[in-house]
């Protein structure tokens, strides 16, 4: 596989190799990809935790009787219209 990097990215990869922590550019790229996957997993977990918190807020509101009863499609359409405004 062949990849193209900007001059700045190539310089950064070379600098990482020059630190002695990596034997070659491939190791740097592999480590960067592993980090990217870990970061993406972490972001997904943060978003999921936030969604769970929001769902719990809604469930708590419903349990306190603070929900809105939508009895028809027209009422639902009105609610969505109000939200969009």
PDB file of N, CA and C in Angstrom:
ATOM      1  N   UNK A   1       0.854  -1.177   0.000  1.00  0.00           N
ATOM      2  CA  UNK A   1       0.000   0.000   0.000  1.00  0.00           C
ATOM      3  C   UNK A   1       0.897   1.236   0.000  1.00  0.00           C
ATOM      4  N   UNK A   2       0.453   2.226  -0.701  1.00  0.00           N
ATOM      5  CA  UNK A   2       1.190   3.485  -0.769  1.00  0.00           C
ATOM      6  C   UNK A   2       0.244   4.600  -0.337  1.00  0.00           C
ATOM      7  N   UNK A   3       0.714   5.478   0.517  1.00  0.00           N
ATOM      8  CA  UNK A   3      -0.099   6.614   0.935  1.00  0.00           C
ATOM      9  C   UNK A   3       0.660   7.896   0.659  1.00  0.00           C
ATOM     10  N   UNK A   4      -0.087   8.959   0.459  1.00  0.00           N
ATOM     11  CA  UNK A   4       0.510  10.275   0.246  1.00  0.00           C
ATOM     12  C   UNK A   4       0.207  11.150   1.443  1.00  0.00           C
ATOM     13  N   UNK A   5       1.215  11.854   1.923  1.00  0.00           N
ATOM     14  CA  UNK A   5       1.057  12.762   3.052  1.00  0.00           C
ATOM     15  C   UNK A   5       1.473  14.156   2.636  1.00  0.00           C
ATOM     16  N   UNK A   6       0.877  15.130   3.304  1.00  0.00           N
ATOM     17  CA  UNK A   6       1.350  16.495   3.083  1.00  0.00           C
ATOM     18  C   UNK A   6       2.774  16.602   3.626  1.00  0.00           C
ATOM     19  N   UNK A   7       3.473  17.635   3.233  1.00  0.00           N
ATOM     20  CA  UNK A   7       4.850  17.825   3.701  1.00  0.00           C
ATOM     21  C   UNK A   7       4.892  17.919   5.224  1.00  0.00           C
ATOM     22  N   UNK A   8       3.917  18.593   5.817  1.00  0.00           N
ATOM     23  CA  UNK A   8       3.897  18.738   7.275  1.00  0.00           C
ATOM     24  C   UNK A   8       3.682  17.398   7.960  1.00  0.00           C
ATOM     25  N   UNK A   9       2.735  16.599   7.454  1.00  0.00           N
ATOM     26  CA  UNK A   9       2.496  15.288   8.060  1.00  0.00           C
ATOM     27  C   UNK A   9       3.708  14.366   7.893  1.00  0.00           C
ATOM     28  N   UNK A  10       4.313  14.409   6.749  1.00  0.00           N
ATOM     29  CA  UNK A  10       5.511  13.599   6.537  1.00  0.00           C
ATOM     30  C   UNK A  10       6.612  13.999   7.514  1.00  0.00           C
ATOM     31  N   UNK A  11       6.751  15.287   7.725  1.00  0.00           N
ATOM     32  CA  UNK A  11       7.742  15.786   8.678  1.00  0.00           C
ATOM     33  C   UNK A  11       7.438  15.311  10.093  1.00  0.00           C
ATOM     34  N   UNK A  12       6.171  15.312  10.450  1.00  0.00           N
ATOM     35  CA  UNK A  12       5.774  14.855  11.785  1.00  0.00           C
ATOM     36  C   UNK A  12       6.042  13.370  11.967  1.00  0.00           C
ATOM     37  N   UNK A  13       5.782  12.578  10.932  1.00  0.00           N
ATOM     38  CA  UNK A  13       6.054  11.139  11.005  1.00  0.00           C
ATOM     39  C   UNK A  13       7.555  10.918  11.161  1.00  0.00           C
ATOM     40  N   UNK A  14       8.357  11.618  10.369  1.00  0.00           N
ATOM     41  CA  UNK A  14       9.816  11.482  10.458  1.00  0.00           C
ATOM     42  C   UNK A  14      10.318  11.878  11.840  1.00  0.00           C
ATOM     43  N   UNK A  15       9.734  12.927  12.403  1.00  0.00           N
ATOM     44  CA  UNK A  15      10.141  13.374  13.736  1.00  0.00           C
ATOM     45  C   UNK A  15       9.845  12.298  14.778  1.00  0.00           C
ATOM     46  N   UNK A  16       8.720  11.619  14.638  1.00  0.00           N
ATOM     47  CA  UNK A  16       8.377  10.538  15.565  1.00  0.00           C
ATOM     48  C   UNK A  16       9.400   9.402  15.460  1.00  0.00           C
ATOM     49  N   UNK A  17       9.783   9.048  14.245  1.00  0.00           N
ATOM     50  CA  UNK A  17      10.775   7.988  14.049  1.00  0.00           C
ATOM     51  C   UNK A  17      12.109   8.421  14.663  1.00  0.00           C
ATOM     52  N   UNK A  18      12.476   9.675  14.485  1.00  0.00           N
ATOM     53  CA  UNK A  18      13.745  10.187  14.993  1.00  0.00           C
ATOM     54  C   UNK A  18      13.817  10.184  16.520  1.00  0.00           C
ATOM     55  N   UNK A  19      12.669  10.142  17.194  1.00  0.00           N
ATOM     56  CA  UNK A  19      12.705  10.078  18.658  1.00  0.00           C
ATOM     57  C   UNK A  19      13.226   8.730  19.134  1.00  0.00           C
ATOM     58  N   UNK A  20      13.196   7.740  18.262  1.00  0.00           N
ATOM     59  CA  UNK A  20      13.645   6.414  18.634  1.00  0.00           C
ATOM     60  C   UNK A  20      12.534   5.534  19.187  1.00  0.00           C
ATOM     61  N   UNK A  21      11.344   6.093  19.361  1.00  0.00           N
ATOM     62  CA  UNK A  21      10.223   5.302  19.874  1.00  0.00           C
ATOM     63  C   UNK A  21       9.642   4.380  18.799  1.00  0.00           C
ATOM     64  N   UNK A  22       9.892   4.696  17.553  1.00  0.00           N
ATOM     65  CA  UNK A  22       9.386   3.913  16.429  1.00  0.00           C
ATOM     66  C   UNK A  22      10.555   3.559  15.521  1.00  0.00           C
ATOM     67  N   UNK A  23      10.502   2.372  14.930  1.00  0.00           N
ATOM     68  CA  UNK A  23      11.573   1.940  14.032  1.00  0.00           C
ATOM     69  C   UNK A  23      11.421   2.508  12.626  1.00  0.00           C
ATOM     70  N   UNK A  24      10.168   2.795  12.240  1.00  0.00           N
ATOM     71  CA  UNK A  24       9.943   3.280  10.880  1.00  0.00           C
ATOM     72  C   UNK A  24       8.591   3.992  10.801  1.00  0.00           C
ATOM     73  N   UNK A  25       8.334   4.570   9.643  1.00  0.00           N
ATOM     74  CA  UNK A  25       7.100   5.333   9.430  1.00  0.00           C
ATOM     75  C   UNK A  25       5.859   4.451   9.552  1.00  0.00           C
ATOM     76  N   UNK A  26       5.947   3.190   9.144  1.00  0.00           N
ATOM     77  CA  UNK A  26       4.797   2.291   9.233  1.00  0.00           C
ATOM     78  C   UNK A  26       4.336   2.124  10.669  1.00  0.00           C
ATOM     79  N   UNK A  27       5.283   2.018  11.597  1.00  0.00           N
ATOM     80  CA  UNK A  27       4.912   1.896  13.004  1.00  0.00           C
ATOM     81  C   UNK A  27       4.183   3.141  13.499  1.00  0.00           C
ATOM     82  N   UNK A  28       4.638   4.290  13.051  1.00  0.00           N
ATOM     83  CA  UNK A  28       3.983   5.548  13.447  1.00  0.00           C
ATOM     84  C   UNK A  28       2.549   5.571  12.932  1.00  0.00           C
ATOM     85  N   UNK A  29       2.364   5.206  11.683  1.00  0.00           N
ATOM     86  CA  UNK A  29       1.030   5.221  11.081  1.00  0.00           C
ATOM     87  C   UNK A  29       0.128   4.198  11.760  1.00  0.00           C
ATOM     88  N   UNK A  30       0.637   2.999  12.039  1.00  0.00           N
ATOM     89  CA  UNK A  30      -0.170   1.994  12.729  1.00  0.00           C
ATOM     90  C   UNK A  30      -0.603   2.489  14.106  1.00  0.00           C
ATOM     91  N   UNK A  31       0.335   3.098  14.841  1.00  0.00           N
ATOM     92  CA  UNK A  31      -0.001   3.625  16.164  1.00  0.00           C
ATOM     93  C   UNK A  31      -1.040   4.735  16.058  1.00  0.00           C
ATOM     94  N   UNK A  32      -0.909   5.588  15.059  1.00  0.00           N
ATOM     95  CA  UNK A  32      -1.876   6.674  14.861  1.00  0.00           C
ATOM     96  C   UNK A  32      -3.264   6.105  14.563  1.00  0.00           C
ATOM     97  N   UNK A  33      -3.324   5.064  13.759  1.00  0.00           N
ATOM     98  CA  UNK A  33      -4.610   4.447  13.435  1.00  0.00           C
ATOM     99  C   UNK A  33      -5.227   3.780  14.662  1.00  0.00           C
ATOM    100  N   UNK A  34      -4.397   3.113  15.479  1.00  0.00           N
ATOM    101  CA  UNK A  34      -4.915   2.522  16.713  1.00  0.00           C
ATOM    102  C   UNK A  34      -5.459   3.604  17.642  1.00  0.00           C
ATOM    103  N   UNK A  35      -4.723   4.712  17.748  1.00  0.00           N
ATOM    104  CA  UNK A  35      -5.180   5.818  18.579  1.00  0.00           C
ATOM    105  C   UNK A  35      -6.504   6.374  18.058  1.00  0.00           C
ATOM    106  N   UNK A  36      -6.611   6.505  16.740  1.00  0.00           N
ATOM    107  CA  UNK A  36      -7.827   7.027  16.135  1.00  0.00           C
ATOM    108  C   UNK A  36      -9.017   6.127  16.458  1.00  0.00           C
ATOM    109  N   UNK A  37      -8.831   4.812  16.371  1.00  0.00           N
ATOM    110  CA  UNK A  37      -9.913   3.889  16.706  1.00  0.00           C
ATOM    111  C   UNK A  37     -10.315   4.015  18.168  1.00  0.00           C
ATOM    112  N   UNK A  38      -9.335   4.099  19.046  1.00  0.00           N
ATOM    113  CA  UNK A  38      -9.610   4.249  20.475  1.00  0.00           C
ATOM    114  C   UNK A  38     -10.362   5.545  20.740  1.00  0.00           C
ATOM    115  N   UNK A  39      -9.938   6.604  20.088  1.00  0.00           N
ATOM    116  CA  UNK A  39     -10.586   7.908  20.250  1.00  0.00           C
ATOM    117  C   UNK A  39     -12.035   7.849  19.766  1.00  0.00           C
ATOM    118  N   UNK A  40     -12.248   7.230  18.612  1.00  0.00           N
ATOM    119  CA  UNK A  40     -13.606   7.103  18.079  1.00  0.00           C
ATOM    120  C   UNK A  40     -14.488   6.285  19.013  1.00  0.00           C
ATOM    121  N   UNK A  41     -13.937   5.209  19.579  1.00  0.00           N
ATOM    122  CA  UNK A  41     -14.693   4.395  20.542  1.00  0.00           C
ATOM    123  C   UNK A  41     -15.060   5.225  21.765  1.00  0.00           C
ATOM    124  N   UNK A  42     -14.109   6.019  22.241  1.00  0.00           N
ATOM    125  CA  UNK A  42     -14.352   6.867  23.414  1.00  0.00           C
ATOM    126  C   UNK A  42     -15.442   7.896  23.122  1.00  0.00           C
ATOM    127  N   UNK A  43     -15.374   8.533  21.959  1.00  0.00           N
ATOM    128  CA  UNK A  43     -16.389   9.523  21.567  1.00  0.00           C
ATOM    129  C   UNK A  43     -17.765   8.856  21.506  1.00  0.00           C
ATOM    130  N   UNK A  44     -17.828   7.665  20.942  1.00  0.00           N
ATOM    131  CA  UNK A  44     -19.094   6.932  20.841  1.00  0.00           C
ATOM    132  C   UNK A  44     -19.647   6.642  22.243  1.00  0.00           C
ATOM    133  N   UNK A  45     -18.783   6.256  23.167  1.00  0.00           N
ATOM    134  CA  UNK A  45     -19.207   5.981  24.539  1.00  0.00           C
ATOM    135  C   UNK A  45     -19.698   7.240  25.242  1.00  0.00           C
ATOM    136  N   UNK A  46     -19.026   8.358  25.015  1.00  0.00           N
ATOM    137  CA  UNK A  46     -19.457   9.626  25.611  1.00  0.00           C
ATOM    138  C   UNK A  46     -20.833  10.018  25.083  1.00  0.00           C
ATOM    139  N   UNK A  47     -21.024   9.897  23.783  1.00  0.00           N
ATOM    140  CA  UNK A  47     -22.325  10.223  23.188  1.00  0.00           C
ATOM    141  C   UNK A  47     -23.417   9.310  23.715  1.00  0.00           C
ATOM    142  N   UNK A  48     -23.106   8.020  23.844  1.00  0.00           N
ATOM    143  CA  UNK A  48     -24.081   7.068  24.354  1.00  0.00           C
ATOM    144  C   UNK A  48     -24.440   7.380  25.809  1.00  0.00           C
ATOM    145  N   UNK A  49     -23.453   7.731  26.608  1.00  0.00           N
ATOM    146  CA  UNK A  49     -23.714   8.090  28.010  1.00  0.00           C
ATOM    147  C   UNK A  49     -24.597   9.324  28.086  1.00  0.00           C
ATOM    148  N   UNK A  50     -24.332  10.302  27.231  1.00  0.00           N
ATOM    149  CA  UNK A  50     -25.139  11.534  27.213  1.00  0.00           C
ATOM    150  C   UNK A  50     -26.579  11.223  26.802  1.00  0.00           C
ATOM    151  N   UNK A  51     -26.745  10.366  25.804  1.00  0.00           N
ATOM    152  CA  UNK A  51     -28.085   9.974  25.366  1.00  0.00           C
ATOM    153  C   UNK A  51     -28.829   9.269  26.495  1.00  0.00           C
ATOM    154  N   UNK A  52     -28.132   8.390  27.209  1.00  0.00           N
ATOM    155  CA  UNK A  52     -28.768   7.695  28.332  1.00  0.00           C
ATOM    156  C   UNK A  52     -29.207   8.680  29.410  1.00  0.00           C
ATOM    157  N   UNK A  53     -28.369   9.696  29.671  1.00  0.00           N
ATOM    158  CA  UNK A  53     -28.737  10.719  30.656  1.00  0.00           C
ATOM    159  C   UNK A  53     -30.002  11.453  30.222  1.00  0.00           C
ATOM    160  N   UNK A  54     -30.062  11.822  28.946  1.00  0.00           N
ATOM    161  CA  UNK A  54     -31.225  12.540  28.433  1.00  0.00           C
ATOM    162  C   UNK A  54     -32.477  11.673  28.482  1.00  0.00           C
ATOM    163  N   UNK A  55     -32.325  10.395  28.151  1.00  0.00           N
ATOM    164  CA  UNK A  55     -33.465   9.483  28.234  1.00  0.00           C
ATOM    165  C   UNK A  55     -33.953   9.345  29.672  1.00  0.00           C
ATOM    166  N   UNK A  56     -33.015   9.320  30.615  1.00  0.00           N
ATOM    167  CA  UNK A  56     -33.404   9.212  32.020  1.00  0.00           C
ATOM    168  C   UNK A  56     -34.156  10.460  32.466  1.00  0.00           C
ATOM    169  N   UNK A  57     -33.731  11.629  32.009  1.00  0.00           N
ATOM    170  CA  UNK A  57     -34.441  12.869  32.336  1.00  0.00           C
ATOM    171  C   UNK A  57     -35.878  12.773  31.833  1.00  0.00           C
ATOM    172  N   UNK A  58     -36.045  12.314  30.591  1.00  0.00           N
ATOM    173  CA  UNK A  58     -37.389  12.163  30.032  1.00  0.00           C
ATOM    174  C   UNK A  58     -38.215  11.154  30.790  1.00  0.00           C
ATOM    175  N   UNK A  59     -37.617  10.022  31.137  1.00  0.00           N
ATOM    176  CA  UNK A  59     -38.344   8.993  31.898  1.00  0.00           C
ATOM    177  C   UNK A  59     -38.755   9.530  33.269  1.00  0.00           C
ATOM    178  N   UNK A  60     -37.865  10.276  33.909  1.00  0.00           N
ATOM    179  CA  UNK A  60     -38.195  10.870  35.211  1.00  0.00           C
ATOM    180  C   UNK A  60     -39.356  11.853  35.085  1.00  0.00           C
ATOM    181  N   UNK A  61     -39.353  12.648  34.015  1.00  0.00           N
ATOM    182  CA  UNK A  61     -40.445  13.596  33.790  1.00  0.00           C
ATOM    183  C   UNK A  61     -41.765  12.858  33.579  1.00  0.00           C
ATOM    184  N   UNK A  62     -41.721  11.786  32.799  1.00  0.00           N
ATOM    185  CA  UNK A  62     -42.942  11.005  32.581  1.00  0.00           C
ATOM    186  C   UNK A  62     -43.440  10.398  33.883  1.00  0.00           C
ATOM    187  N   UNK A  63     -42.529   9.904  34.698  1.00  0.00           N
ATOM    188  CA  UNK A  63     -42.914   9.312  35.986  1.00  0.00           C
ATOM    189  C   UNK A  63     -43.545  10.347  36.925  1.00  0.00           C
ATOM    190  N   UNK A  64     -43.171  11.620  36.761  1.00  0.00           N
ATOM    191  CA  UNK A  64     -43.758  12.679  37.582  1.00  0.00           C
ATOM    192  C   UNK A  64     -45.042  13.227  36.962  1.00  0.00           C
ATOM    193  N   UNK A  65     -45.473  12.646  35.838  1.00  0.00           N
ATOM    194  CA  UNK A  65     -46.693  13.102  35.185  1.00  0.00           C
ATOM    195  C   UNK A  65     -46.519  14.360  34.367  1.00  0.00           C
ATOM    196  N   UNK A  66     -45.304  14.652  33.982  1.00  0.00           N
ATOM    197  CA  UNK A  66     -45.026  15.876  33.235  1.00  0.00           C
ATOM    198  C   UNK A  66     -45.027  15.661  31.718  1.00  0.00           C
ATOM    199  N   UNK A  67     -45.493  14.507  31.263  1.00  0.00           N
ATOM    200  CA  UNK A  67     -45.511  14.226  29.837  1.00  0.00           C
ATOM    201  C   UNK A  67     -46.650  14.929  29.129  1.00  0.00           C
ATOM    202  N   UNK A  68     -46.596  14.888  27.813  1.00  0.00           N
ATOM    203  CA  UNK A  68     -47.644  15.467  26.982  1.00  0.00           C
ATOM    204  C   UNK A  68     -48.389  14.317  26.311  1.00  0.00           C
ATOM    205  N   UNK A  69     -49.706  14.292  26.436  1.00  0.00           N
ATOM    206  CA  UNK A  69     -50.516  13.253  25.816  1.00  0.00           C
ATOM    207  C   UNK A  69     -50.800  13.655  24.377  1.00  0.00           C
ATOM    208  N   UNK A  70     -50.343  12.845  23.441  1.00  0.00           N
ATOM    209  CA  UNK A  70     -50.576  13.093  22.023  1.00  0.00           C
ATOM    210  C   UNK A  70     -51.638  12.091  21.569  1.00  0.00           C
ATOM    211  N   UNK A  71     -52.843  12.593  21.335  1.00  0.00           N
ATOM    212  CA  UNK A  71     -53.969  11.713  21.043  1.00  0.00           C
ATOM    213  C   UNK A  71     -54.231  11.525  19.548  1.00  0.00           C
ATOM    214  N   UNK A  72     -53.581  12.337  18.708  1.00  0.00           N
ATOM    215  CA  UNK A  72     -53.856  12.217  17.276  1.00  0.00           C
ATOM    216  C   UNK A  72     -52.633  12.655  16.480  1.00  0.00           C
ATOM    217  N   UNK A  73     -52.658  12.313  15.187  1.00  0.00           N
ATOM    218  CA  UNK A  73     -51.571  12.728  14.304  1.00  0.00           C
ATOM    219  C   UNK A  73     -51.547  14.248  14.196  1.00  0.00           C
ATOM    220  N   UNK A  74     -52.675  14.870  14.188  1.00  0.00           N
ATOM    221  CA  UNK A  74     -52.746  16.336  14.097  1.00  0.00           C
ATOM    222  C   UNK A  74     -52.073  16.970  15.317  1.00  0.00           C
ATOM    223  N   UNK A  75     -52.306  16.398  16.489  1.00  0.00           N
ATOM    224  CA  UNK A  75     -51.669  16.923  17.701  1.00  0.00           C
ATOM    225  C   UNK A  75     -50.157  16.741  17.634  1.00  0.00           C
ATOM    226  N   UNK A  76     -49.711  15.613  17.082  1.00  0.00           N
ATOM    227  CA  UNK A  76     -48.281  15.370  16.930  1.00  0.00           C
ATOM    228  C   UNK A  76     -47.681  16.355  15.928  1.00  0.00           C
ATOM    229  N   UNK A  77     -48.373  16.591  14.811  1.00  0.00           N
ATOM    230  CA  UNK A  77     -47.904  17.556  13.821  1.00  0.00           C
ATOM    231  C   UNK A  77     -47.802  18.949  14.427  1.00  0.00           C
ATOM    232  N   UNK A  78     -48.756  19.320  15.243  1.00  0.00           N
ATOM    233  CA  UNK A  78     -48.734  20.633  15.901  1.00  0.00           C
ATOM    234  C   UNK A  78     -47.538  20.725  16.843  1.00  0.00           C
ATOM    235  N   UNK A  79     -47.294  19.668  17.589  1.00  0.00           N
ATOM    236  CA  UNK A  79     -46.158  19.660  18.500  1.00  0.00           C
ATOM    237  C   UNK A  79     -44.852  19.844  17.722  1.00  0.00           C
ATOM    238  N   UNK A  80     -44.673  19.108  16.628  1.00  0.00           N
ATOM    239  CA  UNK A  80     -43.463  19.242  15.813  1.00  0.00           C
ATOM    240  C   UNK A  80     -43.343  20.643  15.213  1.00  0.00           C
ATOM    241  N   UNK A  81     -44.440  21.206  14.788  1.00  0.00           N
ATOM    242  CA  UNK A  81     -44.424  22.579  14.268  1.00  0.00           C
ATOM    243  C   UNK A  81     -43.957  23.551  15.331  1.00  0.00           C
ATOM    244  N   UNK A  82     -44.481  23.386  16.555  1.00  0.00           N
ATOM    245  CA  UNK A  82     -44.075  24.246  17.658  1.00  0.00           C
ATOM    246  C   UNK A  82     -42.583  24.110  17.968  1.00  0.00           C
ATOM    247  N   UNK A  83     -42.085  22.884  17.902  1.00  0.00           N
ATOM    248  CA  UNK A  83     -40.660  22.637  18.163  1.00  0.00           C
ATOM    249  C   UNK A  83     -39.801  23.316  17.099  1.00  0.00           C
ATOM    250  N   UNK A  84     -40.227  23.237  15.844  1.00  0.00           N
ATOM    251  CA  UNK A  84     -39.444  23.836  14.744  1.00  0.00           C
ATOM    252  C   UNK A  84     -39.386  25.348  14.852  1.00  0.00           C
ATOM    253  N   UNK A  85     -40.416  25.970  15.421  1.00  0.00           N
ATOM    254  CA  UNK A  85     -40.412  27.418  15.569  1.00  0.00           C
ATOM    255  C   UNK A  85     -39.540  27.780  16.695  1.00  0.00           C
TER     256      UNK A  85
END
